[in-house]
Amino acid sequence: MIPAAPKFRKVVLLLKNLESKDSDILSTIRIEHDDCAMIITGSYVIITEEENNNKIDTPASIKGKIYHLDEIDSYKLFKD
């Protein structure tokens, strides 16, 4: 995870669906990230998740996703 980033139990993002056929109603796509860290920097949101952190023989790996703020309609953060 990013060392200084706040950690959350869950992050829910609602992304704008720009391919929607109805121009009056903006549809969204829901994406959830569990046990992750999130930071907002400049025009981007960076979310990182740790994988294989419960297995003793397998080293943990980190995967990350970068979203442009123009893509995001809203977000909700869940802490413990």
N, C-alpha and C. Protein backbone atom coordinates (compact mmCIF):
# COMPACT_ATOMS: atom_id res chain seq x y z
N MET A 1 0.84 -1.17 0.00
CA MET A 1 0.00 0.00 0.00
C MET A 1 0.89 1.24 0.00
N ILE A 2 0.30 2.34 -0.30
CA ILE A 2 1.03 3.60 -0.27
C ILE A 2 1.24 3.96 1.21
N PRO A 3 2.49 4.16 1.66
CA PRO A 3 2.76 4.30 3.09
C PRO A 3 1.97 5.40 3.80
N ALA A 4 1.80 6.57 3.21
CA ALA A 4 1.13 7.67 3.89
C ALA A 4 -0.37 7.75 3.60
N ALA A 5 -0.88 6.86 2.77
CA ALA A 5 -2.30 6.93 2.37
C ALA A 5 -3.20 6.37 3.47
N PRO A 6 -4.34 7.02 3.70
CA PRO A 6 -5.29 6.47 4.68
C PRO A 6 -5.87 5.14 4.18
N LYS A 7 -6.08 4.22 5.12
CA LYS A 7 -6.59 2.89 4.78
C LYS A 7 -8.07 2.80 5.12
N PHE A 8 -8.81 2.05 4.30
CA PHE A 8 -10.26 1.92 4.47
C PHE A 8 -10.66 0.47 4.38
N ARG A 9 -11.74 0.13 5.08
CA ARG A 9 -12.31 -1.22 4.99
C ARG A 9 -12.90 -1.44 3.61
N LYS A 10 -13.55 -0.39 3.08
CA LYS A 10 -14.16 -0.48 1.75
C LYS A 10 -14.24 0.91 1.14
N VAL A 11 -14.03 0.99 -0.17
CA VAL A 11 -14.23 2.21 -0.95
C VAL A 11 -15.19 1.87 -2.07
N VAL A 12 -16.28 2.63 -2.17
CA VAL A 12 -17.26 2.43 -3.25
C VAL A 12 -17.20 3.65 -4.16
N LEU A 13 -16.94 3.40 -5.43
CA LEU A 13 -16.91 4.46 -6.44
C LEU A 13 -18.10 4.32 -7.37
N LEU A 14 -18.71 5.42 -7.72
CA LEU A 14 -19.71 5.45 -8.78
C LEU A 14 -19.07 6.18 -9.95
N LEU A 15 -18.80 5.43 -11.01
CA LEU A 15 -18.17 6.00 -12.20
C LEU A 15 -19.23 6.42 -13.20
N LYS A 16 -19.00 7.52 -13.87
CA LYS A 16 -19.92 7.99 -14.90
C LYS A 16 -19.87 7.05 -16.10
N ASN A 17 -21.03 6.68 -16.59
CA ASN A 17 -21.13 5.86 -17.80
C ASN A 17 -21.36 6.82 -18.96
N LEU A 18 -20.28 7.19 -19.62
CA LEU A 18 -20.37 8.18 -20.70
C LEU A 18 -20.97 7.62 -21.98
N GLU A 19 -21.12 6.29 -22.05
CA GLU A 19 -21.68 5.66 -23.24
C GLU A 19 -23.20 5.48 -23.14
N SER A 20 -23.81 6.08 -22.13
CA SER A 20 -25.25 5.98 -21.94
C SER A 20 -25.98 6.61 -23.13
N LYS A 21 -27.02 5.96 -23.58
CA LYS A 21 -27.76 6.45 -24.74
C LYS A 21 -28.73 7.57 -24.39
N ASP A 22 -29.16 7.63 -23.13
CA ASP A 22 -30.08 8.67 -22.68
C ASP A 22 -29.29 9.85 -22.15
N SER A 23 -29.34 10.98 -22.84
CA SER A 23 -28.53 12.13 -22.44
C SER A 23 -29.12 12.87 -21.24
N ASP A 24 -30.40 12.63 -20.93
CA ASP A 24 -31.02 13.31 -19.80
C ASP A 24 -30.67 12.66 -18.46
N ILE A 25 -30.44 11.36 -18.47
CA ILE A 25 -30.13 10.63 -17.24
C ILE A 25 -28.72 10.06 -17.36
N LEU A 26 -27.86 10.45 -16.43
CA LEU A 26 -26.49 9.96 -16.43
C LEU A 26 -26.44 8.66 -15.61
N SER A 27 -26.15 7.55 -16.25
CA SER A 27 -26.06 6.29 -15.53
C SER A 27 -24.65 6.14 -14.95
N THR A 28 -24.55 5.31 -13.91
CA THR A 28 -23.27 5.11 -13.24
C THR A 28 -22.94 3.63 -13.15
N ILE A 29 -21.67 3.36 -12.94
CA ILE A 29 -21.18 2.00 -12.74
C ILE A 29 -20.57 1.95 -11.35
N ARG A 30 -20.99 0.96 -10.55
CA ARG A 30 -20.52 0.84 -9.16
C ARG A 30 -19.30 -0.09 -9.11
N ILE A 31 -18.24 0.40 -8.46
CA ILE A 31 -17.02 -0.40 -8.28
C ILE A 31 -16.65 -0.36 -6.80
N GLU A 32 -16.34 -1.55 -6.24
CA GLU A 32 -15.97 -1.64 -4.84
C GLU A 32 -14.55 -2.15 -4.70
N HIS A 33 -13.82 -1.56 -3.76
CA HIS A 33 -12.47 -2.00 -3.40
C HIS A 33 -12.49 -2.28 -1.90
N ASP A 34 -12.04 -3.47 -1.49
CA ASP A 34 -12.02 -3.86 -0.08
C ASP A 34 -10.61 -3.78 0.48
N ASP A 35 -10.50 -3.43 1.76
CA ASP A 35 -9.21 -3.35 2.46
C ASP A 35 -8.17 -2.66 1.60
N CYS A 36 -8.35 -1.39 1.41
CA CYS A 36 -7.51 -0.65 0.47
C CYS A 36 -7.07 0.68 1.05
N ALA A 37 -6.18 1.33 0.34
CA ALA A 37 -5.75 2.69 0.65
C ALA A 37 -6.16 3.58 -0.52
N MET A 38 -6.52 4.83 -0.21
CA MET A 38 -6.95 5.74 -1.27
C MET A 38 -6.37 7.12 -1.02
N ILE A 39 -5.88 7.73 -2.09
CA ILE A 39 -5.46 9.12 -2.04
C ILE A 39 -5.99 9.85 -3.27
N ILE A 40 -6.25 11.14 -3.08
CA ILE A 40 -6.63 12.01 -4.19
C ILE A 40 -5.46 12.96 -4.38
N THR A 41 -4.90 12.96 -5.58
CA THR A 41 -3.74 13.79 -5.87
C THR A 41 -3.94 14.46 -7.23
N GLY A 42 -3.93 15.76 -7.23
CA GLY A 42 -4.15 16.48 -8.48
C GLY A 42 -5.52 16.15 -9.05
N SER A 43 -5.56 15.61 -10.26
CA SER A 43 -6.81 15.25 -10.92
C SER A 43 -7.06 13.75 -10.91
N TYR A 44 -6.40 13.03 -10.00
CA TYR A 44 -6.50 11.57 -10.00
C TYR A 44 -6.81 11.02 -8.62
N VAL A 45 -7.48 9.87 -8.60
CA VAL A 45 -7.69 9.09 -7.38
C VAL A 45 -6.90 7.80 -7.56
N ILE A 46 -6.07 7.48 -6.58
CA ILE A 46 -5.26 6.26 -6.62
C ILE A 46 -5.72 5.34 -5.51
N ILE A 47 -6.08 4.11 -5.87
CA ILE A 47 -6.52 3.11 -4.90
C ILE A 47 -5.60 1.91 -5.02
N THR A 48 -5.06 1.46 -3.87
CA THR A 48 -4.20 0.28 -3.86
C THR A 48 -4.79 -0.77 -2.92
N GLU A 49 -4.66 -2.04 -3.32
CA GLU A 49 -5.13 -3.17 -2.52
C GLU A 49 -4.01 -4.18 -2.38
N GLU A 50 -3.92 -4.78 -1.19
CA GLU A 50 -2.93 -5.82 -0.96
C GLU A 50 -3.54 -7.17 -1.29
N GLU A 51 -2.76 -8.04 -1.93
CA GLU A 51 -3.23 -9.38 -2.27
C GLU A 51 -2.38 -10.42 -1.57
N ASN A 52 -2.96 -11.59 -1.29
CA ASN A 52 -2.26 -12.72 -0.67
C ASN A 52 -1.69 -12.37 0.71
N ASN A 53 -2.37 -11.49 1.44
CA ASN A 53 -1.83 -11.08 2.73
C ASN A 53 -2.18 -12.06 3.85
N ASN A 54 -2.98 -13.08 3.60
CA ASN A 54 -3.34 -14.06 4.63
C ASN A 54 -2.59 -15.37 4.48
N LYS A 55 -1.79 -15.52 3.47
CA LYS A 55 -1.06 -16.76 3.25
C LYS A 55 0.38 -16.59 3.71
N ILE A 56 0.85 -17.50 4.51
CA ILE A 56 2.19 -17.39 5.09
C ILE A 56 3.27 -17.61 4.04
N ASP A 57 3.09 -18.58 3.15
CA ASP A 57 4.13 -18.94 2.19
C ASP A 57 4.17 -18.04 0.95
N THR A 58 3.16 -17.23 0.77
CA THR A 58 3.09 -16.38 -0.43
C THR A 58 3.33 -14.92 -0.04
N PRO A 59 4.32 -14.27 -0.64
CA PRO A 59 4.54 -12.86 -0.31
C PRO A 59 3.38 -12.00 -0.80
N ALA A 60 3.11 -10.95 -0.05
CA ALA A 60 2.02 -10.04 -0.43
C ALA A 60 2.41 -9.24 -1.66
N SER A 61 1.44 -9.00 -2.51
CA SER A 61 1.63 -8.13 -3.66
C SER A 61 0.59 -7.03 -3.60
N ILE A 62 0.87 -5.95 -4.26
CA ILE A 62 -0.03 -4.80 -4.23
C ILE A 62 -0.48 -4.50 -5.65
N LYS A 63 -1.80 -4.34 -5.81
CA LYS A 63 -2.31 -3.90 -7.11
C LYS A 63 -2.95 -2.53 -6.92
N GLY A 64 -2.86 -1.72 -7.93
CA GLY A 64 -3.38 -0.36 -7.84
C GLY A 64 -4.20 0.00 -9.06
N LYS A 65 -5.08 0.95 -8.87
CA LYS A 65 -5.93 1.44 -9.94
C LYS A 65 -5.95 2.96 -9.86
N ILE A 66 -5.82 3.61 -11.00
CA ILE A 66 -5.82 5.07 -11.07
C ILE A 66 -7.05 5.51 -11.86
N TYR A 67 -7.82 6.40 -11.26
CA TYR A 67 -9.03 6.95 -11.90
C TYR A 67 -8.84 8.46 -12.06
N HIS A 68 -9.25 8.99 -13.19
CA HIS A 68 -9.27 10.44 -13.38
C HIS A 68 -10.53 10.97 -12.70
N LEU A 69 -10.43 12.14 -12.06
CA LEU A 69 -11.58 12.69 -11.35
C LEU A 69 -12.78 12.95 -12.26
N ASP A 70 -12.53 13.18 -13.55
CA ASP A 70 -13.64 13.39 -14.49
C ASP A 70 -14.49 12.14 -14.66
N GLU A 71 -13.91 10.95 -14.37
CA GLU A 71 -14.63 9.68 -14.49
C GLU A 71 -15.57 9.42 -13.31
N ILE A 72 -15.29 10.06 -12.17
CA ILE A 72 -15.97 9.71 -10.92
C ILE A 72 -17.16 10.62 -10.69
N ASP A 73 -18.33 10.00 -10.45
CA ASP A 73 -19.52 10.75 -10.09
C ASP A 73 -19.54 11.00 -8.58
N SER A 74 -19.24 9.95 -7.78
CA SER A 74 -19.21 10.09 -6.33
C SER A 74 -18.46 8.91 -5.73
N TYR A 75 -18.14 9.02 -4.43
CA TYR A 75 -17.49 7.92 -3.73
C TYR A 75 -17.96 7.88 -2.28
N LYS A 76 -17.81 6.72 -1.65
CA LYS A 76 -18.16 6.55 -0.25
C LYS A 76 -17.05 5.74 0.40
N LEU A 77 -16.60 6.19 1.58
CA LEU A 77 -15.50 5.55 2.28
C LEU A 77 -16.03 4.89 3.55
N PHE A 78 -15.58 3.66 3.83
CA PHE A 78 -15.97 2.93 5.03
C PHE A 78 -14.71 2.66 5.85
N LYS A 79 -14.67 3.18 7.06
CA LYS A 79 -13.56 2.88 7.97
C LYS A 79 -14.05 1.88 9.00
N ASP A 80 -13.12 1.26 9.73
CA ASP A 80 -13.52 0.31 10.79
C ASP A 80 -14.13 1.02 11.96
